[in-house]
Every structure is written in C-alpha cells, then in structure tokens.
C-alpha cells in the first residue's frame, strides 16, 4: 500500500510556520512524497472488521426485535418509545463527545502533538458523526411519537369513562 504524504507534509509545514513565522523563509515547500507502507500480515484485520460489522448488525437487529416485542406486549407503549429515545440520545451524545471534543482536548493539553492526535481521532471516530446525528434524529422522532401516543391514549381513556354523575343520579 502506498501513502501519498504530500498533504501531511504541507499540514506539518503550515503548522510549524503558524507557530513560528520566522520559519516561513527557512522551510521549503513540502515535496511530493510517497511512502510504501508495510501491510504484509495485516489481512487478518479485514476478517476482524467483517466480524465486528456482522456482530454490530446482529446486535442492532436483536435490539429492534426486542423493542418491537416490547411494543406488542407492554401496556404503556408510549413509555417504551420514550425509553428507546433516551437510549438513542445517550448513544448519540457519547459518540459526538468522543468524535468532536477529544481532538479539541488533545490540542489544548498537548499542542505540539495536537494536529497528529486530532487526525488520528478523526480517522478513528470521525465516521461516527453522521450515524450519531441520525441516531439523535431518530431519538427525537421517537420522543415526539411517544408524546403524541401518550396524549392520544389519555384522551381515549377519558372518553371511555363517560359523563360524570353524582351518586348514580345523572
């Protein structure tokens, strides 16, 4: 595998010049670089990735089946939706905190290594931002649905009670 490291070199030069402007004239522009990465023996990681992806989809299917079964069995279905919304918000919040705030914290605590650490975190967790936002949207939809369902069930229960009477003499 070949890594084209020109962008990395340019980013490193720009960071150095931003930190010490006197280096502008001393540092040459980043040359076009190609780095051959030793990838022999890493093919097992593809199998690990496939296993993790399969396990994730299986867990998601089991969670959806469990929530659907809970909706069929439970009396307070609106509460099931509200709990699912809470889980969706919690999971989305954790992923967004990890993906968005950790690079900022690293750049504050270790400014010299901040650029590289932020790039590593962005590669590892950056792909989770879009699914986390989608999960937060799903949580909002579940919360709104639970509220509508709860209000509708209270109104239906009020209609079933009927008109109030005084001691049976209506």
N, C-alpha and C. Protein backbone atom coordinates (compact mmCIF):
# COMPACT_ATOMS: atom_id res chain seq x y z
N UNK A 1 0.85 -1.18 0.00
CA UNK A 1 0.00 0.00 0.00
C UNK A 1 0.90 1.24 0.00
N UNK A 2 0.52 2.21 -0.81
CA UNK A 2 1.29 3.44 -0.92
C UNK A 2 0.50 4.60 -0.32
N UNK A 3 1.17 5.36 0.52
CA UNK A 3 0.57 6.55 1.14
C UNK A 3 1.17 7.77 0.46
N UNK A 4 0.32 8.63 -0.06
CA UNK A 4 0.77 9.88 -0.65
C UNK A 4 0.77 10.92 0.47
N UNK A 5 1.94 11.25 0.95
CA UNK A 5 2.09 12.05 2.16
C UNK A 5 2.29 13.52 1.90
N UNK A 6 2.00 14.01 0.71
CA UNK A 6 2.19 15.43 0.41
C UNK A 6 1.31 16.30 1.30
N UNK A 7 0.07 15.91 1.49
CA UNK A 7 -0.83 16.70 2.33
C UNK A 7 -0.36 16.72 3.78
N UNK A 8 0.16 15.59 4.25
CA UNK A 8 0.68 15.54 5.61
C UNK A 8 1.88 16.47 5.77
N UNK A 9 2.77 16.47 4.79
CA UNK A 9 3.92 17.36 4.83
C UNK A 9 3.52 18.82 4.77
N UNK A 10 2.54 19.14 3.94
CA UNK A 10 2.05 20.52 3.84
C UNK A 10 1.41 20.96 5.15
N UNK A 11 0.63 20.08 5.76
CA UNK A 11 -0.01 20.42 7.03
C UNK A 11 1.04 20.62 8.12
N UNK A 12 2.07 19.78 8.14
CA UNK A 12 3.13 19.93 9.14
C UNK A 12 3.88 21.25 8.94
N UNK A 13 4.18 21.61 7.69
CA UNK A 13 4.87 22.86 7.41
C UNK A 13 4.00 24.05 7.82
N UNK A 14 2.72 24.01 7.45
CA UNK A 14 1.82 25.11 7.80
C UNK A 14 1.70 25.28 9.31
N UNK A 15 1.67 24.17 10.04
CA UNK A 15 1.58 24.24 11.50
C UNK A 15 2.85 24.85 12.09
N UNK A 16 4.00 24.43 11.58
CA UNK A 16 5.26 24.99 12.07
C UNK A 16 5.35 26.49 11.78
N UNK A 17 4.95 26.90 10.58
CA UNK A 17 5.01 28.31 10.20
C UNK A 17 4.02 29.12 11.03
N UNK A 18 2.86 28.56 11.31
CA UNK A 18 1.88 29.27 12.13
C UNK A 18 2.39 29.47 13.54
N UNK A 19 3.12 28.47 14.05
CA UNK A 19 3.66 28.56 15.40
C UNK A 19 4.87 29.48 15.46
N UNK A 20 5.73 29.42 14.43
CA UNK A 20 6.93 30.26 14.38
C UNK A 20 7.03 30.88 12.99
N UNK A 21 6.52 32.08 12.80
CA UNK A 21 6.50 32.72 11.49
C UNK A 21 7.89 32.93 10.87
N UNK A 22 8.95 32.99 11.68
CA UNK A 22 10.28 33.18 11.13
C UNK A 22 10.74 31.98 10.31
N UNK A 23 10.07 30.83 10.44
CA UNK A 23 10.43 29.64 9.68
C UNK A 23 9.91 29.68 8.24
N UNK A 24 9.09 30.65 7.91
CA UNK A 24 8.49 30.76 6.58
C UNK A 24 9.56 30.73 5.48
N UNK A 25 10.62 31.46 5.69
CA UNK A 25 11.65 31.54 4.65
C UNK A 25 12.63 30.37 4.72
N UNK A 26 12.73 29.74 5.86
CA UNK A 26 13.70 28.64 6.03
C UNK A 26 13.17 27.29 5.55
N UNK A 27 11.90 27.07 5.74
CA UNK A 27 11.32 25.76 5.39
C UNK A 27 10.91 25.73 3.93
N UNK A 28 11.34 24.72 3.22
CA UNK A 28 10.91 24.61 1.82
C UNK A 28 9.47 24.08 1.76
N UNK A 29 8.87 24.23 0.60
CA UNK A 29 7.53 23.66 0.42
C UNK A 29 7.63 22.14 0.55
N UNK A 30 6.54 21.55 0.96
CA UNK A 30 6.54 20.10 1.15
C UNK A 30 6.67 19.40 -0.20
N UNK A 31 7.63 18.50 -0.31
CA UNK A 31 7.79 17.79 -1.58
C UNK A 31 6.70 16.73 -1.75
N UNK A 32 6.50 16.34 -2.97
CA UNK A 32 5.56 15.24 -3.23
C UNK A 32 6.21 13.97 -2.72
N UNK A 33 5.56 13.34 -1.75
CA UNK A 33 6.13 12.15 -1.13
C UNK A 33 5.19 10.96 -1.30
N UNK A 34 5.80 9.83 -1.47
CA UNK A 34 5.07 8.57 -1.48
C UNK A 34 5.78 7.65 -0.50
N UNK A 35 5.02 7.08 0.39
CA UNK A 35 5.59 6.19 1.40
C UNK A 35 4.97 4.82 1.21
N UNK A 36 5.81 3.82 1.08
CA UNK A 36 5.33 2.46 0.95
C UNK A 36 5.09 1.92 2.37
N UNK A 37 3.86 1.53 2.67
CA UNK A 37 3.52 1.04 3.99
C UNK A 37 3.65 -0.48 4.04
N UNK A 38 4.23 -1.00 5.11
CA UNK A 38 4.35 -2.46 5.23
C UNK A 38 3.01 -3.06 5.66
N UNK A 39 2.30 -3.62 4.74
CA UNK A 39 0.98 -4.16 5.05
C UNK A 39 0.94 -5.68 5.03
N UNK A 40 2.08 -6.32 4.89
CA UNK A 40 2.11 -7.78 4.89
C UNK A 40 1.68 -8.29 6.27
N UNK A 41 0.82 -9.25 6.29
CA UNK A 41 0.36 -9.83 7.54
C UNK A 41 -0.82 -9.12 8.16
N UNK A 42 -1.31 -8.05 7.54
CA UNK A 42 -2.45 -7.31 8.08
C UNK A 42 -3.78 -7.76 7.50
N UNK A 43 -3.76 -8.78 6.66
CA UNK A 43 -5.01 -9.22 6.03
C UNK A 43 -6.00 -9.77 7.05
N UNK A 44 -5.51 -10.20 8.19
CA UNK A 44 -6.39 -10.71 9.23
C UNK A 44 -7.31 -9.60 9.77
N UNK A 45 -6.87 -8.35 9.66
CA UNK A 45 -7.69 -7.24 10.14
C UNK A 45 -8.99 -7.11 9.35
N UNK A 46 -8.96 -7.48 8.08
CA UNK A 46 -10.19 -7.47 7.29
C UNK A 46 -11.21 -8.44 7.85
N UNK A 47 -10.74 -9.61 8.29
CA UNK A 47 -11.64 -10.59 8.90
C UNK A 47 -12.20 -10.08 10.22
N UNK A 48 -11.35 -9.39 10.99
CA UNK A 48 -11.81 -8.82 12.27
C UNK A 48 -12.86 -7.75 12.00
N UNK A 49 -12.60 -6.91 11.01
CA UNK A 49 -13.56 -5.85 10.68
C UNK A 49 -14.90 -6.45 10.24
N UNK A 50 -14.86 -7.49 9.42
CA UNK A 50 -16.08 -8.15 8.98
C UNK A 50 -16.83 -8.76 10.16
N UNK A 51 -16.10 -9.36 11.10
CA UNK A 51 -16.75 -9.94 12.28
C UNK A 51 -17.40 -8.87 13.14
N UNK A 52 -16.72 -7.74 13.30
CA UNK A 52 -17.28 -6.65 14.10
C UNK A 52 -18.52 -6.07 13.41
N UNK A 53 -18.46 -5.90 12.09
CA UNK A 53 -19.60 -5.37 11.36
C UNK A 53 -20.80 -6.33 11.45
N UNK A 54 -20.54 -7.63 11.31
CA UNK A 54 -21.61 -8.63 11.42
C UNK A 54 -22.21 -8.62 12.82
N UNK A 55 -21.36 -8.55 13.83
CA UNK A 55 -21.86 -8.51 15.21
C UNK A 55 -22.67 -7.24 15.46
N UNK A 56 -22.25 -6.12 14.88
CA UNK A 56 -22.99 -4.86 15.06
C UNK A 56 -24.37 -4.95 14.44
N UNK A 57 -24.45 -5.49 13.22
CA UNK A 57 -25.75 -5.62 12.57
C UNK A 57 -26.64 -6.61 13.31
N UNK A 58 -26.05 -7.70 13.82
CA UNK A 58 -26.82 -8.67 14.58
C UNK A 58 -27.36 -8.04 15.87
N UNK A 59 -26.52 -7.28 16.56
CA UNK A 59 -26.96 -6.62 17.80
C UNK A 59 -28.06 -5.60 17.50
N UNK A 60 -27.92 -4.86 16.40
CA UNK A 60 -28.96 -3.89 16.03
C UNK A 60 -30.27 -4.59 15.71
N UNK A 61 -30.21 -5.73 15.00
CA UNK A 61 -31.42 -6.48 14.67
C UNK A 61 -32.08 -7.03 15.94
N UNK A 62 -31.27 -7.53 16.87
CA UNK A 62 -31.83 -8.04 18.14
C UNK A 62 -32.46 -6.90 18.95
N UNK A 63 -31.83 -5.73 18.96
CA UNK A 63 -32.39 -4.59 19.68
C UNK A 63 -33.71 -4.16 19.06
N UNK A 64 -33.77 -4.12 17.74
CA UNK A 64 -35.02 -3.75 17.06
C UNK A 64 -36.11 -4.78 17.33
N UNK A 65 -35.74 -6.07 17.32
CA UNK A 65 -36.72 -7.12 17.62
C UNK A 65 -37.20 -7.00 19.06
N UNK A 66 -36.29 -6.73 19.99
CA UNK A 66 -36.68 -6.58 21.39
C UNK A 66 -37.60 -5.38 21.61
N UNK A 67 -37.28 -4.26 20.97
CA UNK A 67 -38.14 -3.08 21.10
C UNK A 67 -39.51 -3.33 20.47
N UNK A 68 -39.54 -4.03 19.34
CA UNK A 68 -40.83 -4.35 18.71
C UNK A 68 -41.65 -5.28 19.58
N UNK A 69 -41.01 -6.28 20.16
CA UNK A 69 -41.71 -7.20 21.06
C UNK A 69 -42.23 -6.46 22.28
N UNK A 70 -41.43 -5.55 22.81
CA UNK A 70 -41.87 -4.75 23.96
C UNK A 70 -43.09 -3.90 23.59
N UNK A 71 -43.11 -3.37 22.38
CA UNK A 71 -44.27 -2.58 21.95
C UNK A 71 -45.52 -3.46 21.84
N UNK A 72 -45.36 -4.71 21.46
CA UNK A 72 -46.51 -5.61 21.35
C UNK A 72 -47.05 -6.03 22.70
N UNK A 73 -46.17 -6.19 23.69
CA UNK A 73 -46.56 -6.77 24.97
C UNK A 73 -46.92 -5.70 26.02
N UNK A 74 -46.26 -4.58 26.00
CA UNK A 74 -46.40 -3.59 27.07
C UNK A 74 -47.75 -2.87 27.04
N UNK A 75 -48.18 -2.47 28.22
CA UNK A 75 -49.40 -1.68 28.32
C UNK A 75 -49.14 -0.22 27.98
N UNK A 76 -48.07 0.31 28.50
CA UNK A 76 -47.72 1.71 28.24
C UNK A 76 -46.70 1.77 27.10
N UNK A 77 -47.21 1.64 25.88
CA UNK A 77 -46.32 1.61 24.72
C UNK A 77 -45.57 2.92 24.54
N UNK A 78 -46.17 4.01 24.93
CA UNK A 78 -45.52 5.29 24.80
C UNK A 78 -44.25 5.35 25.66
N UNK A 79 -44.27 4.65 26.79
CA UNK A 79 -43.10 4.63 27.67
C UNK A 79 -41.95 3.84 27.03
N UNK A 80 -42.27 2.80 26.28
CA UNK A 80 -41.23 2.04 25.57
C UNK A 80 -40.56 2.95 24.55
N UNK A 81 -41.36 3.72 23.82
CA UNK A 81 -40.80 4.66 22.84
C UNK A 81 -39.92 5.71 23.52
N UNK A 82 -40.36 6.16 24.68
CA UNK A 82 -39.60 7.17 25.41
C UNK A 82 -38.26 6.60 25.90
N UNK A 83 -38.28 5.36 26.34
CA UNK A 83 -37.03 4.73 26.78
C UNK A 83 -36.08 4.52 25.61
N UNK A 84 -36.62 4.09 24.48
CA UNK A 84 -35.78 3.93 23.28
C UNK A 84 -35.19 5.28 22.85
N UNK A 85 -35.97 6.34 22.98
CA UNK A 85 -35.47 7.68 22.65
C UNK A 85 -34.34 8.06 23.59
N UNK A 86 -34.47 7.73 24.86
CA UNK A 86 -33.40 8.01 25.82
C UNK A 86 -32.11 7.28 25.47
N UNK A 87 -32.23 6.01 25.08
CA UNK A 87 -31.04 5.26 24.67
C UNK A 87 -30.43 5.87 23.41
N UNK A 88 -31.27 6.28 22.47
CA UNK A 88 -30.76 6.88 21.23
C UNK A 88 -30.02 8.18 21.53
N UNK A 89 -30.61 9.02 22.37
CA UNK A 89 -29.94 10.28 22.73
C UNK A 89 -28.63 10.03 23.46
N UNK A 90 -28.63 9.08 24.39
CA UNK A 90 -27.42 8.78 25.15
C UNK A 90 -26.29 8.27 24.27
N UNK A 91 -26.61 7.34 23.38
CA UNK A 91 -25.59 6.79 22.49
C UNK A 91 -25.06 7.87 21.54
N UNK A 92 -25.96 8.66 20.98
CA UNK A 92 -25.54 9.72 20.07
C UNK A 92 -24.65 10.74 20.79
N UNK A 93 -25.00 11.06 22.02
CA UNK A 93 -24.22 12.02 22.79
C UNK A 93 -22.81 11.50 23.05
N UNK A 94 -22.70 10.24 23.43
CA UNK A 94 -21.37 9.67 23.69
C UNK A 94 -20.51 9.71 22.43
N UNK A 95 -21.06 9.29 21.29
CA UNK A 95 -20.28 9.28 20.05
C UNK A 95 -19.89 10.69 19.62
N UNK A 96 -20.80 11.64 19.79
CA UNK A 96 -20.47 13.02 19.40
C UNK A 96 -19.42 13.62 20.33
N UNK A 97 -19.49 13.31 21.61
CA UNK A 97 -18.47 13.81 22.54
C UNK A 97 -17.11 13.24 22.17
N UNK A 98 -17.07 11.94 21.91
CA UNK A 98 -15.80 11.30 21.56
C UNK A 98 -15.25 11.87 20.26
N UNK A 99 -16.10 11.95 19.25
CA UNK A 99 -15.61 12.35 17.92
C UNK A 99 -15.30 13.83 17.80
N UNK A 100 -16.04 14.67 18.52
CA UNK A 100 -15.86 16.11 18.34
C UNK A 100 -15.02 16.79 19.42
N UNK A 101 -15.10 16.31 20.66
CA UNK A 101 -14.41 17.03 21.73
C UNK A 101 -13.01 16.50 22.02
N UNK A 102 -12.77 15.24 21.79
CA UNK A 102 -11.45 14.70 22.11
C UNK A 102 -10.34 15.39 21.30
N UNK A 103 -10.53 15.64 19.98
CA UNK A 103 -9.46 16.39 19.29
C UNK A 103 -9.21 17.77 19.88
N UNK A 104 -10.27 18.44 20.34
CA UNK A 104 -10.09 19.75 20.96
C UNK A 104 -9.33 19.65 22.28
N UNK A 105 -9.68 18.65 23.08
CA UNK A 105 -8.99 18.47 24.37
C UNK A 105 -7.53 18.13 24.14
N UNK A 106 -7.24 17.28 23.16
CA UNK A 106 -5.86 16.92 22.88
C UNK A 106 -5.07 18.14 22.42
N UNK A 107 -5.68 18.98 21.58
CA UNK A 107 -4.96 20.16 21.10
C UNK A 107 -4.70 21.17 22.22
N UNK A 108 -5.54 21.17 23.25
CA UNK A 108 -5.31 22.06 24.40
C UNK A 108 -4.24 21.49 25.32
N UNK A 109 -4.33 20.17 25.60
CA UNK A 109 -3.39 19.56 26.54
C UNK A 109 -2.01 19.33 25.94
N UNK A 110 -1.96 19.02 24.65
CA UNK A 110 -0.68 18.75 24.00
C UNK A 110 -0.65 19.44 22.65
N UNK A 111 -0.43 20.76 22.64
CA UNK A 111 -0.49 21.49 21.37
C UNK A 111 0.50 21.00 20.32
N UNK A 112 1.66 20.55 20.75
CA UNK A 112 2.66 20.10 19.78
C UNK A 112 2.21 18.84 19.04
N UNK A 113 1.53 17.96 19.76
CA UNK A 113 1.06 16.72 19.15
C UNK A 113 -0.40 16.80 18.75
N UNK A 114 -1.00 17.94 18.96
CA UNK A 114 -2.44 18.09 18.74
C UNK A 114 -2.88 17.80 17.32
N UNK A 115 -2.10 18.25 16.34
CA UNK A 115 -2.50 18.06 14.95
C UNK A 115 -2.53 16.58 14.60
N UNK A 116 -1.48 15.88 14.97
CA UNK A 116 -1.41 14.45 14.66
C UNK A 116 -2.46 13.67 15.43
N UNK A 117 -2.61 13.97 16.73
CA UNK A 117 -3.60 13.26 17.54
C UNK A 117 -5.01 13.54 17.04
N UNK A 118 -5.29 14.78 16.67
CA UNK A 118 -6.62 15.11 16.14
C UNK A 118 -6.87 14.38 14.83
N UNK A 119 -5.84 14.23 14.01
CA UNK A 119 -6.01 13.49 12.76
C UNK A 119 -6.29 12.02 13.04
N UNK A 120 -5.61 11.44 14.02
CA UNK A 120 -5.84 10.03 14.36
C UNK A 120 -7.26 9.84 14.88
N UNK A 121 -7.70 10.71 15.78
CA UNK A 121 -9.05 10.61 16.33
C UNK A 121 -10.09 10.82 15.23
N UNK A 122 -9.81 11.75 14.32
CA UNK A 122 -10.75 11.99 13.23
C UNK A 122 -10.89 10.76 12.34
N UNK A 123 -9.78 10.06 12.12
CA UNK A 123 -9.84 8.84 11.31
C UNK A 123 -10.59 7.75 12.06
N UNK A 124 -10.30 7.60 13.35
CA UNK A 124 -10.92 6.51 14.11
C UNK A 124 -12.39 6.75 14.42
N UNK A 125 -12.74 7.97 14.79
CA UNK A 125 -14.09 8.23 15.26
C UNK A 125 -14.90 9.19 14.38
N UNK A 126 -14.24 9.83 13.42
CA UNK A 126 -14.93 10.81 12.58
C UNK A 126 -16.07 10.22 11.78
N UNK A 127 -15.96 8.96 11.42
CA UNK A 127 -17.02 8.31 10.65
C UNK A 127 -18.29 8.11 11.47
N UNK A 128 -18.21 8.28 12.79
CA UNK A 128 -19.38 8.07 13.64
C UNK A 128 -20.22 9.33 13.82
N UNK A 129 -19.77 10.45 13.31
CA UNK A 129 -20.53 11.69 13.49
C UNK A 129 -21.87 11.62 12.76
N UNK A 130 -21.87 11.22 11.50
CA UNK A 130 -23.12 11.15 10.74
C UNK A 130 -24.09 10.13 11.33
N UNK A 131 -23.67 8.90 11.66
CA UNK A 131 -24.61 7.98 12.30
C UNK A 131 -25.11 8.48 13.65
N UNK A 132 -24.25 9.19 14.40
CA UNK A 132 -24.69 9.72 15.69
C UNK A 132 -25.76 10.79 15.50
N UNK A 133 -25.58 11.64 14.50
CA UNK A 133 -26.61 12.65 14.23
C UNK A 133 -27.91 12.00 13.76
N UNK A 134 -27.80 10.95 12.96
CA UNK A 134 -29.00 10.22 12.53
C UNK A 134 -29.68 9.57 13.72
N UNK A 135 -28.89 9.02 14.64
CA UNK A 135 -29.45 8.40 15.84
C UNK A 135 -30.13 9.44 16.72
N UNK A 136 -29.55 10.63 16.81
CA UNK A 136 -30.19 11.70 17.58
C UNK A 136 -31.51 12.11 16.93
N UNK A 137 -31.55 12.15 15.60
CA UNK A 137 -32.81 12.44 14.90
C UNK A 137 -33.85 11.37 15.15
N UNK A 138 -33.43 10.10 15.15
CA UNK A 138 -34.34 9.01 15.46
C UNK A 138 -34.87 9.14 16.89
N UNK A 139 -33.97 9.51 17.81
CA UNK A 139 -34.40 9.71 19.20
C UNK A 139 -35.44 10.82 19.32
N UNK A 140 -35.25 11.91 18.57
CA UNK A 140 -36.23 13.00 18.59
C UNK A 140 -37.57 12.53 18.03
N UNK A 141 -37.53 11.74 16.95
CA UNK A 141 -38.77 11.23 16.37
C UNK A 141 -39.47 10.28 17.34
N UNK A 142 -38.69 9.43 18.02
CA UNK A 142 -39.29 8.51 19.00
C UNK A 142 -39.90 9.28 20.17
N UNK A 143 -39.21 10.32 20.63
CA UNK A 143 -39.73 11.12 21.73
C UNK A 143 -41.03 11.82 21.34
N UNK A 144 -41.05 12.40 20.15
CA UNK A 144 -42.27 13.07 19.68
C UNK A 144 -43.40 12.07 19.51
N UNK A 145 -43.10 10.90 18.97
CA UNK A 145 -44.14 9.86 18.80
C UNK A 145 -44.66 9.40 20.15
N UNK A 146 -43.77 9.25 21.12
CA UNK A 146 -44.23 8.82 22.45
C UNK A 146 -45.13 9.86 23.08
N UNK A 147 -44.82 11.12 22.87
CA UNK A 147 -45.65 12.19 23.44
C UNK A 147 -47.04 12.18 22.79
N UNK A 148 -47.08 12.06 21.46
CA UNK A 148 -48.37 12.03 20.74
C UNK A 148 -49.17 10.80 21.17
N UNK A 149 -48.51 9.67 21.29
CA UNK A 149 -49.18 8.42 21.69
C UNK A 149 -49.74 8.55 23.10
N UNK A 150 -48.94 9.15 24.01
CA UNK A 150 -49.39 9.30 25.40
C UNK A 150 -50.59 10.24 25.50
N UNK A 151 -50.53 11.37 24.80
CA UNK A 151 -51.65 12.31 24.82
C UNK A 151 -52.90 11.67 24.22
N UNK A 152 -52.75 10.94 23.13
CA UNK A 152 -53.88 10.27 22.49
C UNK A 152 -54.48 9.19 23.38
N UNK A 153 -53.65 8.45 24.11
CA UNK A 153 -54.19 7.40 24.99
C UNK A 153 -54.89 8.00 26.19
N UNK A 154 -54.44 9.16 26.69
CA UNK A 154 -55.15 9.82 27.80
C UNK A 154 -56.51 10.32 27.36
N UNK A 155 -56.59 10.87 26.15
CA UNK A 155 -57.89 11.35 25.65
C UNK A 155 -58.85 10.19 25.42
N UNK A 156 -58.34 9.07 24.89
CA UNK A 156 -59.19 7.91 24.64
C UNK A 156 -59.69 7.36 25.97
N UNK A 157 -58.83 7.33 27.00
CA UNK A 157 -59.25 6.84 28.31
C UNK A 157 -60.30 7.75 28.91
N UNK A 158 -60.20 9.05 28.70
CA UNK A 158 -61.20 9.98 29.22
C UNK A 158 -62.54 9.77 28.54
N UNK A 159 -62.54 9.44 27.26
CA UNK A 159 -63.81 9.18 26.55
C UNK A 159 -64.44 7.89 27.03
N UNK A 160 -63.66 6.91 27.44
CA UNK A 160 -64.20 5.63 27.88
C UNK A 160 -64.87 5.74 29.24
N UNK A 161 -64.45 6.67 30.06
CA UNK A 161 -65.03 6.83 31.39
C UNK A 161 -66.47 7.32 31.30
N UNK A 162 -66.74 8.21 30.41
CA UNK A 162 -68.10 8.71 30.23
C UNK A 162 -68.35 9.99 31.01
N UNK A 163 -69.63 10.38 31.03
CA UNK A 163 -70.03 11.61 31.69
C UNK A 163 -70.12 11.39 33.20
N UNK A 164 -69.55 12.32 34.00
CA UNK A 164 -69.60 12.13 35.46
C UNK A 164 -71.03 12.29 35.98
N UNK A 165 -71.36 11.49 36.98
CA UNK A 165 -72.69 11.56 37.61
C UNK A 165 -72.51 11.70 39.10
N UNK A 166 -73.53 12.20 39.79
CA UNK A 166 -73.50 12.36 41.22
C UNK A 166 -74.28 11.22 41.85
N UNK A 167 -73.58 10.29 42.49
CA UNK A 167 -74.16 9.16 43.20
C UNK A 167 -75.10 8.34 42.32
N UNK A 168 -74.78 8.24 41.07
CA UNK A 168 -75.58 7.40 40.18
C UNK A 168 -76.84 8.07 39.67
N UNK A 169 -77.12 9.31 40.10
CA UNK A 169 -78.31 10.03 39.61
C UNK A 169 -77.85 11.04 38.57
N UNK A 170 -77.83 10.65 37.34
CA UNK A 170 -77.26 11.51 36.32
C UNK A 170 -78.29 12.27 35.65
